Amino acid sequence: MEVTHTFSEFQISPEIIKAIEDMGFEEPTPIQLSAIPAILAGSDVTGQAQTGTGKTAAFAIPAIEIIDQKNRETQVIVLSPTRELTIQTAEEFARLTHYQKKITILPIYGGQHIERQLKGLQRGVQIVVGTPGRVLDHLRRGTLKLQGVKMVILDEGDQMLDMGFREDIETILDHTPKDRQTTLFSATMPRPILAISKKYQNNPIMVEVPHKTLTVPQIEQQYLELRNRDKMEILSRLLDIHDPNLTLIFCNTKKAVDLLTTQLQNRGYITEGLHGDMKQQQRDRVMAQFRNGNIDVLIATDVAARGIDVDDVELVINYDVPQDVEYYVHRIGRTARAGREGRAITFVGPKEIYKLRSIQKYANIQITRIPMPTVEDVKQIRLQNLTESIKETLETGKLEKYTTIIEQMMMEDYTSLEIAGALLKREMESKPEPEEIKTYSSDDSRGRFDRSDRSDRGSSRPPRQFDRDTEQGMKRLHIGLGRDRGIRPKDIVGAIANETRIDGNSIGAISIFGSYSYVEVDESVADQVIDRMKGKSIGGVNLSDGVSIGYATPSNSDGPKKYKKEFKRESSKGNFQRKKSYRH
């Protein structure tokens, strides 16, 4: 049985453990397991690891541990080959130091106004992440002092040498104390890298994580380049277009699994999540339902998915690019079992193309880029599925009582062709319309960090079965906004999740009517949601004096009769139910 490790096994501070838990990661990657203890012990480390293995946390966690928070001097310097990697590395440090507010981090790179960097350095920065050229520029200006540096980290060493930074790197290292700790990470170990290691490291410990070659040729591997905020809509389109028997979706964190599960359930898909925080009994129940086909879509983390052995998985979707190359291999191997064909689609964000290239290079595979499925693609497949269903019904026969009604309508001067067209139109328009999204070009956000893309909050279609009583442990809240103000379920989920920071799993059923809406939330956070949402906005509409949020009562919903009447009207329009999708 495979042993599962945890970050608590390392000798690291509770603040970092808590930050890692907030980030949602379940276990260390192989490079983290090997490198973190060695670096924490004070050894110089040379690690052979490529981008996409979790190596940033492998050096960031022990680097944070050596910081003297009372000392404003620069104590850790990280050299990166590009500004994009510099920004991403600084962001990783920021997430890991979330509960250590006195630790300061500054990315410095070309293309950014140097005045901003000068102000940051003047205030004192304990961790500097920078490109060699800009770091050397600050050294020559005298605006960056390295006499207090305890640790130097050379990230993507071979790439920095390929870009001609060797002389700059050596000059920077010569400005640091001789007794510093030096950590070097490189995807390959050419002679110049080994020469730098020999010259500037002291008996380094070699850490290498071998990677396996992918040998599953029958799997069709594809990727989509898209913004994070568009993931939910594109995922829905893929599920509708491919209509797989069973789908397995992978997320990198437990929080992402919970949020995506809620979002897909809100869109009416028969979905459950699986991750390490769930009790074994609950995990067994979910897996049994997935094997039996009672669940169409299973969303899982890498750790939770290790026990998944289901032959009928037709589609694997990497909702997040995996943290490690081997994770990719393990993920897509969940499809194409027992000689069947399978398909794997990976969602790749603007800043993740380099991770995908690493996966292709080190697993020796080709992943084909495919165009974004359009609204017309979804409509076309729906029409195709509907026509196939009609043909099956025609072959079955027993249409007499229905043809009698058609004949009666024809007596009112309608042709059979007009009646059939009207029925098709009604059926097609009863389905929720796919959302329009902007097409993405990788040039749109090159070098930029768009915080609005961090997560896709909520969904656009309401969940099934809103006529049931409120679930046990949940409280129904009333919001004085509805369809007449353009409010959608994704607006409500997004606003609550963003403003209150509660777990997505704590948000339940949502129903939207003409002038008001209902949302169910876990009773333990209901008061918190009401309190924190006051004065905030949902879908661009402020919750002010004229718009309230509070517990649902007969008085704020115009009584149960109106509720049932309005629900009946909405459900008749197809707004509250997605049938088990276009199956034949």
Foldseek 3Di string as FASTA:
>chain_A
DDDFAAPVVDPADPLLSVLVVVVFFGGAFQLLVPQQNCVLVVAAAEEQDDALRNVLCSPLRSQVRVDDLVDLAAAEEEADADLLVLVVSQVVNCSSCVVVVSAFEDEWEPPDPVVVVLVVLVVGHHYYYYHLVRVLVCVVVVSHAAANYQEYEYEQVVVNVVVPCLVSVVVVLVRHDLNHHYYYYHNDCDPVNVVCCVVRGDPHDYHYDADAAFDDVLEAFAEEEDFQQCLLLLVVLVCLLVVALAEEEEDARPLVQLQSQQQVQFQFAQEDEFEDVDDPVVLVVVLVCRLVSVHRYYYYYLVRCPPDAHARHAEYEYSDLHSRLVSVSVRSVSYCPPNRGHYYYYYAYLSRVSVVVVSCVNNVHDYHYDYRDFLVSSLVSLLVLVVVVVVVVVVVDPCVVVVVVVVVVVVVVDDSVRVVVVVSVLVSQLADRRDDDDGDDSVPAVSHDDPVRPHHAHYFAGHADPVDDADPQKFKKKKQAAVCVVAGGSLVRRLQCVQQVDRSNQKHGKDGFDGMIITIGGPVCQVVSQVRQQQPDGPPHGCYPVIHMGGDDCVVVVHPVVVVVRVVVCVVSNRHHQPSHSDD
